[in-house]
Amino acid sequence: MHSNFNGVIKEILEQYPNIDLAEYLADNLQLPMEKAEVLASRIEKQILQKGIGAKEAKTLRLMEKSVEEENRTCSYPVDVLSEKEFEYFIKWLLGELGYEAQPANYVATQYGVDGVAVKDGEKVAVEAIRCPKAHKVTDSIVRIMQEKRGDCQKALVITTATFTDSAKSEAEKAGVELWDVEVLQQKLKQAKERVDLDMQVYFPKYKGTLLDSLLALAETKNFLLEAKADGKYDVNLPGVKYPLLTFQTQNGAVIRCIQRIKYNEPVNEADGEAITAADDEQAYTLVMQYLELFLE
């Protein structure tokens, strides 16, 4: 266990020495940068402090170590996410790709995530397996999926690694769709493109300044702007009492933006989180990412 975990760390450091983890999470999971930095810190802390030498649980042999040289590239190894973070990631990814399911329909397991979703009117049994990229998932998972899929018309197995040839063969016979690490990266790209498209629908394009862009939110049907004293504006959802965002202007520019929802609860300005960015355009992007969390 100790050597395997150290091997994963070594592989990450060797293959991704210059990765900006917070930037990747903010970009691909559509998180505000402040939250992405917190999540990145948790992941890095876990890599360094994760309990090494803990007694390994007895598990079915779903994975075998690959002896082949890995030639695949991955923008970020999602296999190092914690169980809970991987669960959130899978829910987000499938949701963005049009798989409809209530959060309760996904259950964290010792391997990853189990769930049932609906896509194009058909029920899909989902099994997501989190394991090191150097491993291969065997055909055992196909047999397990067949036993668990019940009345689902389709079945999908996702892994952060690859599949053995026998697993691919059995999956084809059983009608089980497989997403390996390469397909996962392609799906991530599709999800991001879909999120970007949603952004274009919900939000005006950048208007050249942060102030003009924020004021343009009033032109949409999604947000209401309420002018306050001292050059402040509250951004609200129609019919919702508490503001989502407060921004303050001075001399024709925005001098600060405060998130007014924290841990799903409304807060006053003093307790809200400030949105900070290098320039107005980046600040507007962060504002959009934050506000998009509250849209259907």
C-alpha atoms as a PDB file:
ATOM      1  CA  MET A   1       0.000   0.000   0.000  1.00  0.00           C
ATOM      2  CA  HIS A   2       2.793   2.360   0.988  1.00  0.00           C
ATOM      3  CA  SER A   3       4.831   1.777  -2.160  1.00  0.00           C
ATOM      4  CA  ASN A   4       1.762   1.944  -4.428  1.00  0.00           C
ATOM      5  CA  PHE A   5       0.743   5.311  -3.018  1.00  0.00           C
ATOM      6  CA  ASN A   6       4.264   6.694  -3.275  1.00  0.00           C
ATOM      7  CA  GLY A   7       4.332   5.471  -6.861  1.00  0.00           C
ATOM      8  CA  VAL A   8       1.211   7.468  -7.672  1.00  0.00           C
ATOM      9  CA  ILE A   9       2.755  10.616  -6.167  1.00  0.00           C
ATOM     10  CA  LYS A  10       5.968  10.072  -8.115  1.00  0.00           C
ATOM     11  CA  GLU A  11       4.043   9.595 -11.361  1.00  0.00           C
ATOM     12  CA  ILE A  12       2.069  12.808 -10.843  1.00  0.00           C
ATOM     13  CA  LEU A  13       5.146  14.870 -10.012  1.00  0.00           C
ATOM     14  CA  GLU A  14       7.085  13.491 -12.966  1.00  0.00           C
ATOM     15  CA  GLN A  15       4.333  13.812 -15.561  1.00  0.00           C
ATOM     16  CA  TYR A  16       2.677  17.034 -14.374  1.00  0.00           C
ATOM     17  CA  PRO A  17       5.417  19.142 -12.734  1.00  0.00           C
ATOM     18  CA  ASN A  18       3.982  22.494 -13.838  1.00  0.00           C
ATOM     19  CA  ILE A  19       0.256  21.874 -13.449  1.00  0.00           C
ATOM     20  CA  ASP A  20      -1.831  24.624 -11.856  1.00  0.00           C
ATOM     21  CA  LEU A  21      -4.354  22.458 -10.041  1.00  0.00           C
ATOM     22  CA  ALA A  22      -6.577  25.316  -8.880  1.00  0.00           C
ATOM     23  CA  GLU A  23      -6.781  26.746 -12.397  1.00  0.00           C
ATOM     24  CA  TYR A  24      -7.647  23.323 -13.824  1.00  0.00           C
ATOM     25  CA  LEU A  25     -10.456  22.749 -11.308  1.00  0.00           C
ATOM     26  CA  ALA A  26     -11.835  26.247 -11.827  1.00  0.00           C
ATOM     27  CA  ASP A  27     -11.804  25.752 -15.592  1.00  0.00           C
ATOM     28  CA  ASN A  28     -13.190  22.219 -15.830  1.00  0.00           C
ATOM     29  CA  LEU A  29     -15.520  22.139 -12.832  1.00  0.00           C
ATOM     30  CA  GLN A  30     -16.670  25.737 -13.343  1.00  0.00           C
ATOM     31  CA  LEU A  31     -15.836  26.751  -9.782  1.00  0.00           C
ATOM     32  CA  PRO A  32     -15.020  30.244  -8.548  1.00  0.00           C
ATOM     33  CA  MET A  33     -11.243  30.522  -8.236  1.00  0.00           C
ATOM     34  CA  GLU A  34     -11.434  30.971  -4.460  1.00  0.00           C
ATOM     35  CA  LYS A  35     -13.276  27.662  -4.091  1.00  0.00           C
ATOM     36  CA  ALA A  36     -11.022  25.952  -6.624  1.00  0.00           C
ATOM     37  CA  GLU A  37      -7.972  26.996  -4.597  1.00  0.00           C
ATOM     38  CA  VAL A  38      -9.509  25.524  -1.436  1.00  0.00           C
ATOM     39  CA  LEU A  39     -10.294  22.261  -3.238  1.00  0.00           C
ATOM     40  CA  ALA A  40      -6.809  22.130  -4.771  1.00  0.00           C
ATOM     41  CA  SER A  41      -5.281  22.669  -1.338  1.00  0.00           C
ATOM     42  CA  ARG A  42      -7.334  19.793   0.067  1.00  0.00           C
ATOM     43  CA  ILE A  43      -6.251  17.492  -2.747  1.00  0.00           C
ATOM     44  CA  GLU A  44      -2.575  18.387  -2.355  1.00  0.00           C
ATOM     45  CA  LYS A  45      -2.813  17.985   1.406  1.00  0.00           C
ATOM     46  CA  GLN A  46      -4.407  14.583   0.965  1.00  0.00           C
ATOM     47  CA  ILE A  47      -1.633  13.467  -1.379  1.00  0.00           C
ATOM     48  CA  LEU A  48       0.959  14.406   1.216  1.00  0.00           C
ATOM     49  CA  GLN A  49      -0.861  13.343   4.366  1.00  0.00           C
ATOM     50  CA  LYS A  50      -3.111  10.471   3.295  1.00  0.00           C
ATOM     51  CA  GLY A  51      -2.844   7.627   5.737  1.00  0.00           C
ATOM     52  CA  ILE A  52      -0.127   5.321   4.457  1.00  0.00           C
ATOM     53  CA  GLY A  53       0.137   1.811   5.802  1.00  0.00           C
ATOM     54  CA  ALA A  54      -3.541   1.455   6.685  1.00  0.00           C
ATOM     55  CA  LYS A  55      -4.817  -2.101   6.490  1.00  0.00           C
ATOM     56  CA  GLU A  56      -5.974  -2.770   2.949  1.00  0.00           C
ATOM     57  CA  ALA A  57      -9.567  -3.912   2.651  1.00  0.00           C
ATOM     58  CA  LYS A  58     -10.377  -7.151   0.866  1.00  0.00           C
ATOM     59  CA  THR A  59     -11.809  -6.278  -2.531  1.00  0.00           C
ATOM     60  CA  LEU A  60     -12.801  -8.039  -5.720  1.00  0.00           C
ATOM     61  CA  ARG A  61     -10.032  -8.119  -8.264  1.00  0.00           C
ATOM     62  CA  LEU A  62     -11.331  -5.447 -10.608  1.00  0.00           C
ATOM     63  CA  MET A  63      -7.953  -4.008 -11.526  1.00  0.00           C
ATOM     64  CA  GLU A  64      -4.625  -5.365 -12.636  1.00  0.00           C
ATOM     65  CA  LYS A  65      -1.371  -3.447 -12.852  1.00  0.00           C
ATOM     66  CA  SER A  66      -0.435  -2.518 -16.405  1.00  0.00           C
ATOM     67  CA  VAL A  67       3.124  -3.329 -17.511  1.00  0.00           C
ATOM     68  CA  GLU A  68       2.775  -1.322 -20.705  1.00  0.00           C
ATOM     69  CA  GLU A  69       4.375   2.086 -21.048  1.00  0.00           C
ATOM     70  CA  GLU A  70       1.653   4.732 -20.827  1.00  0.00           C
ATOM     71  CA  ASN A  71       1.605   6.925 -23.929  1.00  0.00           C
ATOM     72  CA  ARG A  72      -1.665   8.652 -23.149  1.00  0.00           C
ATOM     73  CA  THR A  73      -1.803  12.252 -22.029  1.00  0.00           C
ATOM     74  CA  CYS A  74      -4.229  13.598 -19.468  1.00  0.00           C
ATOM     75  CA  SER A  75      -4.667  17.261 -18.596  1.00  0.00           C
ATOM     76  CA  TYR A  76      -5.081  16.318 -14.941  1.00  0.00           C
ATOM     77  CA  PRO A  77      -5.094  12.910 -13.190  1.00  0.00           C
ATOM     78  CA  VAL A  78      -8.581  12.830 -11.618  1.00  0.00           C
ATOM     79  CA  ASP A  79      -7.663   9.535  -9.967  1.00  0.00           C
ATOM     80  CA  VAL A  80      -6.099  11.491  -7.084  1.00  0.00           C
ATOM     81  CA  LEU A  81      -9.413  13.072  -6.077  1.00  0.00           C
ATOM     82  CA  SER A  82     -10.791  11.854  -2.763  1.00  0.00           C
ATOM     83  CA  GLU A  83     -13.824   9.574  -2.705  1.00  0.00           C
ATOM     84  CA  LYS A  84     -16.192  12.467  -1.992  1.00  0.00           C
ATOM     85  CA  GLU A  85     -14.543  14.779  -4.525  1.00  0.00           C
ATOM     86  CA  PHE A  86     -14.685  12.052  -7.184  1.00  0.00           C
ATOM     87  CA  GLU A  87     -18.373  11.551  -6.409  1.00  0.00           C
ATOM     88  CA  TYR A  88     -19.049  15.280  -6.902  1.00  0.00           C
ATOM     89  CA  PHE A  89     -16.990  15.264 -10.100  1.00  0.00           C
ATOM     90  CA  ILE A  90     -18.947  12.367 -11.644  1.00  0.00           C
ATOM     91  CA  LYS A  91     -22.298  13.934 -10.715  1.00  0.00           C
ATOM     92  CA  TRP A  92     -21.253  17.228 -12.280  1.00  0.00           C
ATOM     93  CA  LEU A  93     -19.833  15.648 -15.438  1.00  0.00           C
ATOM     94  CA  LEU A  94     -22.825  13.423 -16.165  1.00  0.00           C
ATOM     95  CA  GLY A  95     -25.233  16.253 -15.390  1.00  0.00           C
ATOM     96  CA  GLU A  96     -23.502  18.554 -17.868  1.00  0.00           C
ATOM     97  CA  LEU A  97     -23.614  15.802 -20.501  1.00  0.00           C
ATOM     98  CA  GLY A  98     -27.384  15.443 -20.186  1.00  0.00           C
ATOM     99  CA  TYR A  99     -27.655  12.488 -17.815  1.00  0.00           C
ATOM    100  CA  GLU A 100     -30.551  13.331 -15.514  1.00  0.00           C
ATOM    101  CA  ALA A 101     -30.535  11.966 -11.982  1.00  0.00           C
ATOM    102  CA  GLN A 102     -31.248  13.136  -8.479  1.00  0.00           C
ATOM    103  CA  PRO A 103     -28.127  13.306  -6.273  1.00  0.00           C
ATOM    104  CA  ALA A 104     -29.608  10.540  -4.104  1.00  0.00           C
ATOM    105  CA  ASN A 105     -29.457   8.223  -7.126  1.00  0.00           C
ATOM    106  CA  TYR A 106     -25.654   8.209  -6.909  1.00  0.00           C
ATOM    107  CA  VAL A 107     -23.973   6.230  -4.138  1.00  0.00           C
ATOM    108  CA  ALA A 108     -20.286   6.333  -3.229  1.00  0.00           C
ATOM    109  CA  THR A 109     -18.625   2.905  -3.134  1.00  0.00           C
ATOM    110  CA  GLN A 110     -15.159   1.619  -2.281  1.00  0.00           C
ATOM    111  CA  TYR A 111     -14.318   1.754  -5.993  1.00  0.00           C
ATOM    112  CA  GLY A 112     -15.968   5.034  -6.953  1.00  0.00           C
ATOM    113  CA  VAL A 113     -19.620   5.823  -7.672  1.00  0.00           C
ATOM    114  CA  ASP A 114     -22.719   3.750  -8.514  1.00  0.00           C
ATOM    115  CA  GLY A 115     -25.860   5.296  -9.908  1.00  0.00           C
ATOM    116  CA  VAL A 116     -28.835   5.271 -12.227  1.00  0.00           C
ATOM    117  CA  ALA A 117     -29.482   8.146 -14.618  1.00  0.00           C
ATOM    118  CA  VAL A 118     -31.820   8.893 -17.516  1.00  0.00           C
ATOM    119  CA  LYS A 119     -30.493   9.938 -20.921  1.00  0.00           C
ATOM    120  CA  ASP A 120     -32.765  10.464 -23.937  1.00  0.00           C
ATOM    121  CA  GLY A 121     -35.630   8.756 -22.112  1.00  0.00           C
ATOM    122  CA  GLU A 122     -33.663   5.593 -21.306  1.00  0.00           C
ATOM    123  CA  LYS A 123     -32.432   4.450 -17.903  1.00  0.00           C
ATOM    124  CA  VAL A 124     -28.661   4.080 -17.687  1.00  0.00           C
ATOM    125  CA  ALA A 125     -26.849   2.116 -14.989  1.00  0.00           C
ATOM    126  CA  VAL A 126     -23.600   3.919 -14.131  1.00  0.00           C
ATOM    127  CA  GLU A 127     -20.460   2.590 -12.466  1.00  0.00           C
ATOM    128  CA  ALA A 128     -17.521   4.977 -12.062  1.00  0.00           C
ATOM    129  CA  ILE A 129     -14.215   3.510 -10.894  1.00  0.00           C
ATOM    130  CA  ARG A 130     -11.451   5.642  -9.417  1.00  0.00           C
ATOM    131  CA  CYS A 131      -8.025   4.021  -9.665  1.00  0.00           C
ATOM    132  CA  PRO A 132      -4.445   4.938 -10.661  1.00  0.00           C
ATOM    133  CA  LYS A 133      -3.953   5.571 -14.367  1.00  0.00           C
ATOM    134  CA  ALA A 134      -1.349   2.796 -14.591  1.00  0.00           C
ATOM    135  CA  HIS A 135      -3.956   0.154 -13.723  1.00  0.00           C
ATOM    136  CA  LYS A 136      -6.376  -1.658 -16.024  1.00  0.00           C
ATOM    137  CA  VAL A 137      -9.955  -2.538 -15.169  1.00  0.00           C
ATOM    138  CA  THR A 138     -10.709  -6.202 -15.881  1.00  0.00           C
ATOM    139  CA  ASP A 139     -13.783  -7.935 -17.285  1.00  0.00           C
ATOM    140  CA  SER A 140     -15.029  -8.549 -13.724  1.00  0.00           C
ATOM    141  CA  ILE A 141     -16.622  -5.112 -13.777  1.00  0.00           C
ATOM    142  CA  VAL A 142     -18.696  -6.050 -16.831  1.00  0.00           C
ATOM    143  CA  ARG A 143     -20.115  -9.087 -15.041  1.00  0.00           C
ATOM    144  CA  ILE A 144     -20.838  -6.997 -11.954  1.00  0.00           C
ATOM    145  CA  MET A 145     -22.558  -4.356 -14.060  1.00  0.00           C
ATOM    146  CA  GLN A 146     -24.732  -6.986 -15.727  1.00  0.00           C
ATOM    147  CA  GLU A 147     -25.862  -8.181 -12.304  1.00  0.00           C
ATOM    148  CA  LYS A 148     -26.611  -4.659 -11.073  1.00  0.00           C
ATOM    149  CA  ARG A 149     -28.174  -3.003 -14.119  1.00  0.00           C
ATOM    150  CA  GLY A 150     -31.652  -4.410 -13.416  1.00  0.00           C
ATOM    151  CA  ASP A 151     -34.239  -2.879 -15.737  1.00  0.00           C
ATOM    152  CA  CYS A 152     -31.853  -0.257 -17.140  1.00  0.00           C
ATOM    153  CA  GLN A 153     -31.822  -0.234 -20.933  1.00  0.00           C
ATOM    154  CA  LYS A 154     -28.190   0.895 -21.028  1.00  0.00           C
ATOM    155  CA  ALA A 155     -25.081   0.538 -18.890  1.00  0.00           C
ATOM    156  CA  LEU A 156     -22.008   2.755 -18.597  1.00  0.00           C
ATOM    157  CA  VAL A 157     -18.686   2.057 -16.876  1.00  0.00           C
ATOM    158  CA  ILE A 158     -16.272   4.954 -16.351  1.00  0.00           C
ATOM    159  CA  THR A 159     -12.698   4.665 -15.142  1.00  0.00           C
ATOM    160  CA  THR A 160      -9.778   7.003 -14.539  1.00  0.00           C
ATOM    161  CA  ALA A 161      -7.517   4.275 -15.976  1.00  0.00           C
ATOM    162  CA  THR A 162      -7.922   1.881 -18.931  1.00  0.00           C
ATOM    163  CA  PHE A 163      -9.654  -1.436 -19.644  1.00  0.00           C
ATOM    164  CA  THR A 164      -8.169  -4.817 -20.472  1.00  0.00           C
ATOM    165  CA  ASP A 165      -8.853  -6.276 -23.902  1.00  0.00           C
ATOM    166  CA  SER A 166     -11.067  -8.930 -22.326  1.00  0.00           C
ATOM    167  CA  ALA A 167     -13.093  -6.224 -20.567  1.00  0.00           C
ATOM    168  CA  LYS A 168     -13.612  -4.438 -23.884  1.00  0.00           C
ATOM    169  CA  SER A 169     -14.655  -7.687 -25.552  1.00  0.00           C
ATOM    170  CA  GLU A 170     -17.101  -8.641 -22.794  1.00  0.00           C
ATOM    171  CA  ALA A 171     -18.527  -5.114 -22.713  1.00  0.00           C
ATOM    172  CA  GLU A 172     -19.193  -5.178 -26.450  1.00  0.00           C
ATOM    173  CA  LYS A 173     -21.028  -8.493 -26.129  1.00  0.00           C
ATOM    174  CA  ALA A 174     -23.064  -7.264 -23.155  1.00  0.00           C
ATOM    175  CA  GLY A 175     -23.861  -3.849 -24.609  1.00  0.00           C
ATOM    176  CA  VAL A 176     -21.987  -1.984 -21.875  1.00  0.00           C
ATOM    177  CA  GLU A 177     -20.452   1.371 -22.827  1.00  0.00           C
ATOM    178  CA  LEU A 178     -16.905   1.974 -21.564  1.00  0.00           C
ATOM    179  CA  TRP A 179     -15.218   5.321 -20.891  1.00  0.00           C
ATOM    180  CA  ASP A 180     -11.495   5.039 -20.188  1.00  0.00           C
ATOM    181  CA  VAL A 181      -9.243   7.929 -19.168  1.00  0.00           C
ATOM    182  CA  GLU A 182      -8.936   9.192 -22.753  1.00  0.00           C
ATOM    183  CA  VAL A 183     -12.692   9.167 -23.326  1.00  0.00           C
ATOM    184  CA  LEU A 184     -13.114  10.817 -19.922  1.00  0.00           C
ATOM    185  CA  GLN A 185     -10.950  13.729 -21.049  1.00  0.00           C
ATOM    186  CA  GLN A 186     -12.999  14.054 -24.243  1.00  0.00           C
ATOM    187  CA  LYS A 187     -16.204  14.098 -22.188  1.00  0.00           C
ATOM    188  CA  LEU A 188     -14.682  16.749 -19.927  1.00  0.00           C
ATOM    189  CA  LYS A 189     -14.044  18.902 -22.976  1.00  0.00           C
ATOM    190  CA  GLN A 190     -17.633  18.404 -24.158  1.00  0.00           C
ATOM    191  CA  ALA A 191     -18.966  19.308 -20.713  1.00  0.00           C
ATOM    192  CA  LYS A 192     -16.903  22.487 -20.649  1.00  0.00           C
ATOM    193  CA  GLU A 193     -18.155  23.467 -24.109  1.00  0.00           C
ATOM    194  CA  ARG A 194     -21.706  22.890 -22.931  1.00  0.00           C
ATOM    195  CA  VAL A 195     -21.134  25.037 -19.851  1.00  0.00           C
ATOM    196  CA  ASP A 196     -19.644  27.770 -22.039  1.00  0.00           C
ATOM    197  CA  LEU A 197     -22.737  27.618 -24.252  1.00  0.00           C
ATOM    198  CA  ASP A 198     -25.007  27.896 -21.215  1.00  0.00           C
ATOM    199  CA  MET A 199     -23.003  30.921 -20.126  1.00  0.00           C
ATOM    200  CA  GLN A 200     -23.700  32.575 -23.477  1.00  0.00           C
ATOM    201  CA  VAL A 201     -27.432  31.915 -23.049  1.00  0.00           C
ATOM    202  CA  TYR A 202     -27.699  33.187 -19.485  1.00  0.00           C
ATOM    203  CA  PHE A 203     -25.200  36.041 -19.495  1.00  0.00           C
ATOM    204  CA  PRO A 204     -24.422  38.999 -21.759  1.00  0.00           C
ATOM    205  CA  LYS A 205     -21.043  38.981 -23.448  1.00  0.00           C
ATOM    206  CA  TYR A 206     -18.259  40.985 -21.876  1.00  0.00           C
ATOM    207  CA  LYS A 207     -18.911  44.659 -22.640  1.00  0.00           C
ATOM    208  CA  GLY A 208     -15.389  46.035 -22.343  1.00  0.00           C
ATOM    209  CA  THR A 209     -15.552  46.890 -18.631  1.00  0.00           C
ATOM    210  CA  LEU A 210     -16.747  45.011 -15.578  1.00  0.00           C
ATOM    211  CA  LEU A 211     -19.250  47.747 -14.742  1.00  0.00           C
ATOM    212  CA  ASP A 212     -20.904  47.733 -18.173  1.00  0.00           C
ATOM    213  CA  SER A 213     -21.005  43.930 -18.139  1.00  0.00           C
ATOM    214  CA  LEU A 214     -22.642  43.757 -14.709  1.00  0.00           C
ATOM    215  CA  LEU A 215     -25.170  46.459 -15.557  1.00  0.00           C
ATOM    216  CA  ALA A 216     -26.080  44.468 -18.679  1.00  0.00           C
ATOM    217  CA  LEU A 217     -27.318  41.655 -16.420  1.00  0.00           C
ATOM    218  CA  ALA A 218     -30.462  43.744 -15.961  1.00  0.00           C
ATOM    219  CA  GLU A 219     -31.222  43.246 -19.660  1.00  0.00           C
ATOM    220  CA  THR A 220     -31.687  39.510 -19.116  1.00  0.00           C
ATOM    221  CA  LYS A 221     -34.703  37.813 -17.572  1.00  0.00           C
ATOM    222  CA  ASN A 222     -32.502  35.886 -15.183  1.00  0.00           C
ATOM    223  CA  PHE A 223     -31.350  38.648 -12.835  1.00  0.00           C
ATOM    224  CA  LEU A 224     -32.609  41.853 -11.267  1.00  0.00           C
ATOM    225  CA  LEU A 225     -30.352  44.763 -10.296  1.00  0.00           C
ATOM    226  CA  GLU A 226     -31.294  47.016  -7.402  1.00  0.00           C
ATOM    227  CA  ALA A 227     -29.403  50.275  -6.907  1.00  0.00           C
ATOM    228  CA  LYS A 228     -28.365  51.016  -3.318  1.00  0.00           C
ATOM    229  CA  ALA A 229     -26.605  53.870  -1.538  1.00  0.00           C
ATOM    230  CA  ASP A 230     -22.891  54.608  -1.959  1.00  0.00           C
ATOM    231  CA  GLY A 231     -22.765  53.383  -5.549  1.00  0.00           C
ATOM    232  CA  LYS A 232     -23.743  49.830  -4.615  1.00  0.00           C
ATOM    233  CA  TYR A 233     -25.923  47.396  -6.549  1.00  0.00           C
ATOM    234  CA  ASP A 234     -27.536  44.141  -5.443  1.00  0.00           C
ATOM    235  CA  VAL A 235     -27.945  41.318  -7.959  1.00  0.00           C
ATOM    236  CA  ASN A 236     -31.022  39.182  -7.259  1.00  0.00           C
ATOM    237  CA  LEU A 237     -32.893  36.297  -8.790  1.00  0.00           C
ATOM    238  CA  PRO A 238     -36.501  37.247  -9.611  1.00  0.00           C
ATOM    239  CA  GLY A 239     -38.734  36.481  -6.640  1.00  0.00           C
ATOM    240  CA  VAL A 240     -35.835  35.815  -4.264  1.00  0.00           C
ATOM    241  CA  LYS A 241     -35.484  38.103  -1.265  1.00  0.00           C
ATOM    242  CA  TYR A 242     -31.765  37.819  -0.599  1.00  0.00           C
ATOM    243  CA  PRO A 243     -29.154  39.134  -3.075  1.00  0.00           C
ATOM    244  CA  LEU A 244     -26.666  36.794  -4.696  1.00  0.00           C
ATOM    245  CA  LEU A 245     -24.058  39.465  -5.281  1.00  0.00           C
ATOM    246  CA  THR A 246     -23.319  43.038  -4.249  1.00  0.00           C
ATOM    247  CA  PHE A 247     -20.950  45.233  -6.241  1.00  0.00           C
ATOM    248  CA  GLN A 248     -19.831  48.787  -5.549  1.00  0.00           C
ATOM    249  CA  THR A 249     -18.867  51.415  -8.103  1.00  0.00           C
ATOM    250  CA  GLN A 250     -16.716  54.509  -7.897  1.00  0.00           C
ATOM    251  CA  ASN A 251     -15.745  56.929 -10.654  1.00  0.00           C
ATOM    252  CA  GLY A 252     -17.278  54.707 -13.323  1.00  0.00           C
ATOM    253  CA  ALA A 253     -15.541  51.505 -12.237  1.00  0.00           C
ATOM    254  CA  VAL A 254     -16.317  48.527 -10.015  1.00  0.00           C
ATOM    255  CA  ILE A 255     -14.173  48.628  -6.904  1.00  0.00           C
ATOM    256  CA  ARG A 256     -15.419  45.412  -5.308  1.00  0.00           C
ATOM    257  CA  CYS A 257     -17.759  42.428  -5.783  1.00  0.00           C
ATOM    258  CA  ILE A 258     -19.030  40.434  -2.817  1.00  0.00           C
ATOM    259  CA  GLN A 259     -20.656  37.001  -2.955  1.00  0.00           C
ATOM    260  CA  ARG A 260     -23.723  37.139  -0.713  1.00  0.00           C
ATOM    261  CA  ILE A 261     -24.388  33.389  -0.515  1.00  0.00           C
ATOM    262  CA  LYS A 262     -22.010  31.304   1.568  1.00  0.00           C
ATOM    263  CA  TYR A 263     -22.443  27.597   2.285  1.00  0.00           C
ATOM    264  CA  ASN A 264     -25.937  27.866   0.769  1.00  0.00           C
ATOM    265  CA  GLU A 265     -26.927  30.553   3.273  1.00  0.00           C
ATOM    266  CA  PRO A 266     -27.401  34.314   2.719  1.00  0.00           C
ATOM    267  CA  VAL A 267     -24.809  36.502   4.452  1.00  0.00           C
ATOM    268  CA  ASN A 268     -24.246  40.219   4.871  1.00  0.00           C
ATOM    269  CA  GLU A 269     -21.530  42.057   2.966  1.00  0.00           C
ATOM    270  CA  ALA A 270     -19.028  41.851   5.802  1.00  0.00           C
ATOM    271  CA  ASP A 271     -19.228  38.052   5.858  1.00  0.00           C
ATOM    272  CA  GLY A 272     -19.351  37.522   2.092  1.00  0.00           C
ATOM    273  CA  GLU A 273     -16.404  36.434  -0.047  1.00  0.00           C
ATOM    274  CA  ALA A 274     -14.814  39.025  -2.325  1.00  0.00           C
ATOM    275  CA  ILE A 275     -14.232  38.189  -5.982  1.00  0.00           C
ATOM    276  CA  THR A 276     -10.707  39.146  -6.974  1.00  0.00           C
ATOM    277  CA  ALA A 277      -9.129  38.976 -10.423  1.00  0.00           C
ATOM    278  CA  ALA A 278      -6.247  40.351 -12.452  1.00  0.00           C
ATOM    279  CA  ASP A 279      -8.504  42.372 -14.759  1.00  0.00           C
ATOM    280  CA  ASP A 280     -12.140  43.235 -15.458  1.00  0.00           C
ATOM    281  CA  GLU A 281     -12.716  40.477 -18.008  1.00  0.00           C
ATOM    282  CA  GLN A 282     -11.442  37.776 -15.673  1.00  0.00           C
ATOM    283  CA  ALA A 283     -13.540  39.236 -12.852  1.00  0.00           C
ATOM    284  CA  TYR A 284     -16.657  39.061 -15.035  1.00  0.00           C
ATOM    285  CA  THR A 285     -15.895  35.422 -15.846  1.00  0.00           C
ATOM    286  CA  LEU A 286     -15.676  34.645 -12.124  1.00  0.00           C
ATOM    287  CA  VAL A 287     -18.951  36.481 -11.515  1.00  0.00           C
ATOM    288  CA  MET A 288     -20.657  34.440 -14.251  1.00  0.00           C
ATOM    289  CA  GLN A 289     -19.314  31.185 -12.839  1.00  0.00           C
ATOM    290  CA  TYR A 290     -20.601  32.113  -9.395  1.00  0.00           C
ATOM    291  CA  LEU A 291     -24.050  33.275 -10.525  1.00  0.00           C
ATOM    292  CA  GLU A 292     -24.471  30.281 -12.831  1.00  0.00           C
ATOM    293  CA  LEU A 293     -24.560  28.052  -9.742  1.00  0.00           C
ATOM    294  CA  PHE A 294     -27.986  29.488  -8.880  1.00  0.00           C
ATOM    295  CA  LEU A 295     -29.608  29.000 -12.274  1.00  0.00           C
ATOM    296  CA  GLU A 296     -31.646  25.947 -13.205  1.00  0.00           C
END
